[in-house]
Amino acid sequence: MTNSTGIAGDLVAETVTGLVISLSKGLHRYRDKQNDSEWERLSWQRPFEVSGSSACVVGVGELGGSVVSRLGVLGMAVEGVDIRPVSGLGLDRVYDASRIETAVSDARFVVLTTPLTEATRGLVDDDVFAAMQDDAYLVNVSRGEIVAPGALEAALNDDELAGAAVDVFHEEPLPEESKLWSMDEVIVTPHAAAQANTTATGSQHWSRQYRPLQRRRNSVESGRLSRRLQLFVFDESACGKSE
């Protein structure tokens, strides 16, 4: 049975897909231009094709597995990082967390989906960003504390990576003075990756899960009703004879 964590994982994975496409095509830059009524294309070198690009998903549990599945559908080559052996997700390769710098070195997108623990706190630090390609992007939909304080801003300022999409932060709401707000190649979202019409989504999900049970219940109720009708007919008949 899939629980509510599974539903949230699917919603977050959908958001990751949108962020990856936005970053690759520069769609967020066009929205910025729209706000200023500017009709101007990005340079032709800026957008790139998602299919054939590479991604490294850090943390391939239930949430990470949903992300892996969707990025694979986009035609991306996906590798993972986890503290345990992982199989069945179609990953090209899974690295131990101790080898995260190697894992991210060839990835165009590094997606953080690992839970926050003492082992993962500050996992993505200056050394990890230095190991990433300078045309790579970070997508964080896990917890802000997975990234060492100040490391992302420093990496972006030093052009160690091309940009980022960040949904979670050390301090929330993100302070007005944060440099992330003004960076053209950064997408900031307010811890909203799992946000959706959860009533409708949950209802559809639980409906699929419990439809067989509901059918059995309906069958039982139908049987009870049938027996009640039979008893009613019998009693009516008996009453007729007594008259």
Protein backbone atom coordinates (compact mmCIF):
# COMPACT_ATOMS: atom_id res chain seq x y z
CA MET A 1 0.00 0.00 0.00
CA THR A 2 1.27 3.48 -0.89
CA ASN A 3 1.00 5.97 1.95
CA SER A 4 0.83 9.75 1.97
CA THR A 5 4.62 9.93 1.66
CA GLY A 6 4.25 8.29 -1.73
CA ILE A 7 1.75 10.91 -2.82
CA ALA A 8 4.06 13.74 -1.70
CA GLY A 9 6.96 12.05 -3.48
CA ASP A 10 5.06 12.06 -6.75
CA LEU A 11 4.15 15.73 -6.34
CA VAL A 12 7.72 16.74 -5.54
CA ALA A 13 9.01 14.71 -8.49
CA GLU A 14 6.64 16.55 -10.80
CA THR A 15 7.99 19.85 -9.47
CA VAL A 16 11.58 18.68 -10.04
CA THR A 17 10.68 17.85 -13.64
CA GLY A 18 9.32 21.35 -14.15
CA LEU A 19 12.36 22.96 -12.57
CA VAL A 20 14.76 20.92 -14.70
CA ILE A 21 12.94 21.92 -17.87
CA SER A 22 12.76 25.57 -16.80
CA LEU A 23 16.48 25.70 -16.08
CA SER A 24 17.45 23.91 -19.28
CA LYS A 25 15.31 26.13 -21.52
CA GLY A 26 15.75 29.35 -19.56
CA LEU A 27 11.98 29.72 -19.14
CA HIS A 28 12.43 31.57 -15.86
CA ARG A 29 14.48 34.20 -17.69
CA TYR A 30 11.60 34.79 -20.12
CA ARG A 31 9.24 35.29 -17.18
CA ASP A 32 11.63 37.93 -15.86
CA LYS A 33 11.56 39.65 -19.25
CA GLN A 34 7.78 39.40 -19.36
CA ASN A 35 7.55 41.34 -16.11
CA ASP A 36 9.47 44.15 -17.86
CA SER A 37 7.51 43.80 -21.15
CA GLU A 38 10.72 42.84 -22.94
CA TRP A 39 10.49 40.90 -26.22
CA GLU A 40 13.97 39.41 -26.36
CA ARG A 41 15.32 35.93 -26.91
CA LEU A 42 18.14 34.43 -24.92
CA SER A 43 21.33 33.77 -26.82
CA TRP A 44 20.99 30.62 -28.92
CA GLN A 45 23.73 28.92 -26.88
CA ARG A 46 21.80 29.27 -23.60
CA PRO A 47 18.94 26.70 -23.90
CA PHE A 48 19.93 23.06 -24.12
CA GLU A 49 18.24 19.73 -24.68
CA VAL A 50 17.12 17.79 -21.61
CA SER A 51 17.09 14.45 -23.39
CA GLY A 52 20.62 13.07 -23.31
CA SER A 53 21.63 15.27 -20.39
CA SER A 54 22.80 13.67 -17.16
CA ALA A 55 21.49 13.88 -13.62
CA CYS A 56 22.67 12.72 -10.24
CA VAL A 57 19.94 12.17 -7.65
CA VAL A 58 21.32 12.33 -4.10
CA GLY A 59 19.09 10.12 -1.96
CA VAL A 60 17.15 7.48 -3.89
CA GLY A 61 14.52 6.44 -1.40
CA GLU A 62 10.82 6.86 -2.12
CA LEU A 63 11.10 10.54 -3.04
CA GLY A 64 14.32 10.11 -4.99
CA GLY A 65 12.93 7.07 -6.78
CA SER A 66 9.99 9.12 -8.05
CA VAL A 67 12.41 11.75 -9.33
CA VAL A 68 14.58 9.11 -11.03
CA SER A 69 11.56 7.69 -12.85
CA ARG A 70 10.46 11.04 -14.24
CA LEU A 71 13.91 12.18 -15.29
CA GLY A 72 14.38 8.85 -17.05
CA VAL A 73 11.19 9.45 -19.02
CA LEU A 74 12.70 12.74 -20.20
CA GLY A 75 15.55 10.73 -21.73
CA MET A 76 18.15 11.70 -19.14
CA ALA A 77 20.99 9.46 -18.02
CA VAL A 78 20.48 9.20 -14.26
CA GLU A 79 22.88 8.10 -11.55
CA GLY A 80 22.31 8.08 -7.82
CA VAL A 81 23.96 8.54 -4.44
CA ASP A 82 22.79 6.61 -1.40
CA ILE A 83 24.10 5.01 1.77
CA ARG A 84 22.65 1.62 0.83
CA PRO A 85 22.58 -0.59 -2.27
CA VAL A 86 19.73 0.35 -4.61
CA SER A 87 18.26 -1.70 -7.43
CA GLY A 88 15.15 -1.72 -9.56
CA LEU A 89 15.09 1.98 -10.43
CA GLY A 90 16.93 1.80 -13.74
CA LEU A 91 19.83 3.88 -12.49
CA ASP A 92 23.00 3.79 -14.55
CA ARG A 93 25.03 3.66 -11.34
CA VAL A 94 24.68 4.22 -7.59
CA TYR A 95 27.53 5.73 -5.58
CA ASP A 96 28.06 5.54 -1.86
CA ALA A 97 27.65 8.88 -0.11
CA SER A 98 31.37 8.94 0.62
CA ARG A 99 31.93 9.27 -3.15
CA ILE A 100 29.52 12.11 -3.77
CA GLU A 101 32.19 14.32 -5.34
CA THR A 102 32.84 11.66 -7.98
CA ALA A 103 29.12 11.13 -8.50
CA VAL A 104 28.35 14.80 -9.23
CA SER A 105 31.38 15.45 -11.41
CA ASP A 106 29.70 14.47 -14.70
CA ALA A 107 26.12 15.53 -13.92
CA ARG A 108 24.37 18.44 -15.60
CA PHE A 109 21.79 18.39 -12.81
CA VAL A 110 22.35 17.44 -9.18
CA VAL A 111 19.03 16.85 -7.42
CA LEU A 112 18.91 16.66 -3.63
CA THR A 113 16.17 14.39 -2.27
CA THR A 114 17.91 12.83 0.73
CA PRO A 115 16.37 13.08 4.22
CA LEU A 116 18.07 15.33 6.74
CA THR A 117 20.11 13.35 9.26
CA GLU A 118 23.32 14.03 11.12
CA ALA A 119 25.10 12.17 8.32
CA THR A 120 23.57 14.32 5.55
CA ARG A 121 23.68 17.70 7.29
CA GLY A 122 26.13 19.83 5.28
CA LEU A 123 26.71 16.94 2.86
CA VAL A 124 26.87 19.31 -0.11
CA ASP A 125 29.73 21.64 0.73
CA ASP A 126 32.37 23.72 -1.03
CA ASP A 127 34.24 20.59 -2.17
CA VAL A 128 31.11 19.13 -3.76
CA PHE A 129 30.38 22.34 -5.65
CA ALA A 130 34.00 22.52 -6.77
CA ALA A 131 33.65 18.99 -8.15
CA MET A 132 30.56 19.91 -10.21
CA GLN A 133 30.82 21.10 -13.80
CA ASP A 134 30.62 24.85 -14.28
CA ASP A 135 27.56 24.34 -16.53
CA ALA A 136 25.74 22.21 -13.93
CA TYR A 137 22.65 23.08 -11.92
CA LEU A 138 21.64 22.24 -8.36
CA VAL A 139 18.00 21.41 -7.54
CA ASN A 140 17.22 21.15 -3.83
CA VAL A 141 13.76 19.88 -2.80
CA SER A 142 14.93 18.09 0.35
CA ARG A 143 16.06 20.27 3.25
CA GLY A 144 18.09 23.45 3.30
CA GLU A 145 20.54 22.03 5.81
CA ILE A 146 21.73 19.40 3.33
CA VAL A 147 23.79 22.23 1.80
CA ALA A 148 26.52 23.73 3.96
CA PRO A 149 25.71 27.32 5.02
CA GLY A 150 26.81 29.85 2.40
CA ALA A 151 28.24 27.19 0.08
CA LEU A 152 25.67 27.61 -2.70
CA GLU A 153 25.91 31.38 -2.79
CA ALA A 154 29.72 31.17 -2.88
CA ALA A 155 29.68 28.62 -5.71
CA LEU A 156 27.29 30.76 -7.77
CA ASN A 157 29.34 33.91 -7.16
CA ASP A 158 32.50 32.09 -8.25
CA ASP A 159 30.81 30.65 -11.37
CA GLU A 160 31.43 27.11 -10.17
CA LEU A 161 27.97 26.15 -11.42
CA ALA A 162 25.47 27.59 -13.86
CA GLY A 163 22.47 28.02 -11.59
CA ALA A 164 20.09 26.46 -9.14
CA ALA A 165 16.46 25.84 -8.24
CA VAL A 166 15.94 25.94 -4.49
CA ASP A 167 12.74 25.11 -2.64
CA VAL A 168 14.17 24.70 0.88
CA PHE A 169 16.47 26.91 2.91
CA HIS A 170 18.34 27.15 6.20
CA GLU A 171 16.03 29.96 7.21
CA GLU A 172 12.44 30.16 6.02
CA PRO A 173 11.06 32.44 4.78
CA LEU A 174 14.23 33.26 2.87
CA PRO A 175 15.50 36.59 4.26
CA GLU A 176 15.05 39.62 2.02
CA GLU A 177 18.78 40.28 2.10
CA SER A 178 19.65 36.88 0.60
CA LYS A 179 21.63 37.20 -2.64
CA LEU A 180 19.66 34.30 -4.11
CA TRP A 181 16.68 36.58 -4.75
CA SER A 182 18.57 38.67 -7.30
CA MET A 183 20.47 35.96 -9.17
CA ASP A 184 19.17 35.57 -12.73
CA GLU A 185 19.93 31.86 -12.93
CA VAL A 186 18.36 30.94 -9.61
CA ILE A 187 14.74 29.88 -9.17
CA VAL A 188 13.45 30.39 -5.63
CA THR A 189 10.24 28.68 -4.53
CA PRO A 190 8.77 28.94 -0.99
CA HIS A 191 8.99 25.31 0.18
CA ALA A 192 6.15 24.52 -2.21
CA ALA A 193 7.42 21.48 -4.14
CA ALA A 194 4.73 19.20 -2.69
CA GLN A 195 1.94 21.74 -2.95
CA ALA A 196 -1.10 20.69 -4.96
CA ASN A 197 -4.83 20.23 -4.72
CA THR A 198 -4.18 17.48 -2.20
CA THR A 199 -7.86 16.83 -1.53
CA ALA A 200 -8.48 15.90 -5.15
CA THR A 201 -5.16 14.12 -5.55
CA GLY A 202 -5.56 12.19 -2.33
CA SER A 203 -9.12 11.23 -3.17
CA GLN A 204 -8.09 9.90 -6.55
CA HIS A 205 -5.18 8.01 -5.01
CA TRP A 206 -7.18 6.42 -2.22
CA SER A 207 -10.00 5.69 -4.63
CA ARG A 208 -7.61 3.61 -6.76
CA GLN A 209 -6.21 1.88 -3.69
CA TYR A 210 -9.52 1.04 -2.09
CA ARG A 211 -11.76 0.44 -5.10
CA PRO A 212 -11.56 -3.38 -4.76
CA LEU A 213 -12.35 -3.09 -1.04
CA GLN A 214 -15.28 -0.82 -1.80
CA ARG A 215 -16.60 -3.31 -4.35
CA ARG A 216 -16.43 -6.09 -1.78
CA ARG A 217 -18.19 -3.88 0.76
CA ASN A 218 -20.92 -3.04 -1.76
CA SER A 219 -21.32 -6.72 -2.48
CA VAL A 220 -21.72 -7.50 1.21
CA GLU A 221 -24.21 -4.68 1.67
CA SER A 222 -26.12 -5.88 -1.39
CA GLY A 223 -26.28 -9.37 0.08
CA ARG A 224 -27.59 -8.05 3.36
CA LEU A 225 -30.22 -6.00 1.57
CA SER A 226 -31.24 -9.03 -0.45
CA ARG A 227 -31.64 -11.12 2.68
CA ARG A 228 -33.68 -8.37 4.33
CA LEU A 229 -36.02 -8.26 1.34
CA GLN A 230 -36.39 -12.03 1.44
CA LEU A 231 -37.28 -11.86 5.14
CA PHE A 232 -39.72 -9.07 4.44
CA VAL A 233 -41.47 -11.11 1.73
CA PHE A 234 -41.55 -14.15 4.02
CA ASP A 235 -43.06 -12.16 6.90
CA GLU A 236 -45.63 -10.56 4.60
CA SER A 237 -46.64 -13.97 3.31
CA ALA A 238 -46.90 -15.32 6.82
CA CYS A 239 -49.08 -12.43 7.83
CA GLY A 240 -51.36 -13.12 4.88
CA LYS A 241 -51.89 -16.72 5.93
CA SER A 242 -52.72 -15.75 9.50
CA GLU A 243 -55.53 -13.60 8.23
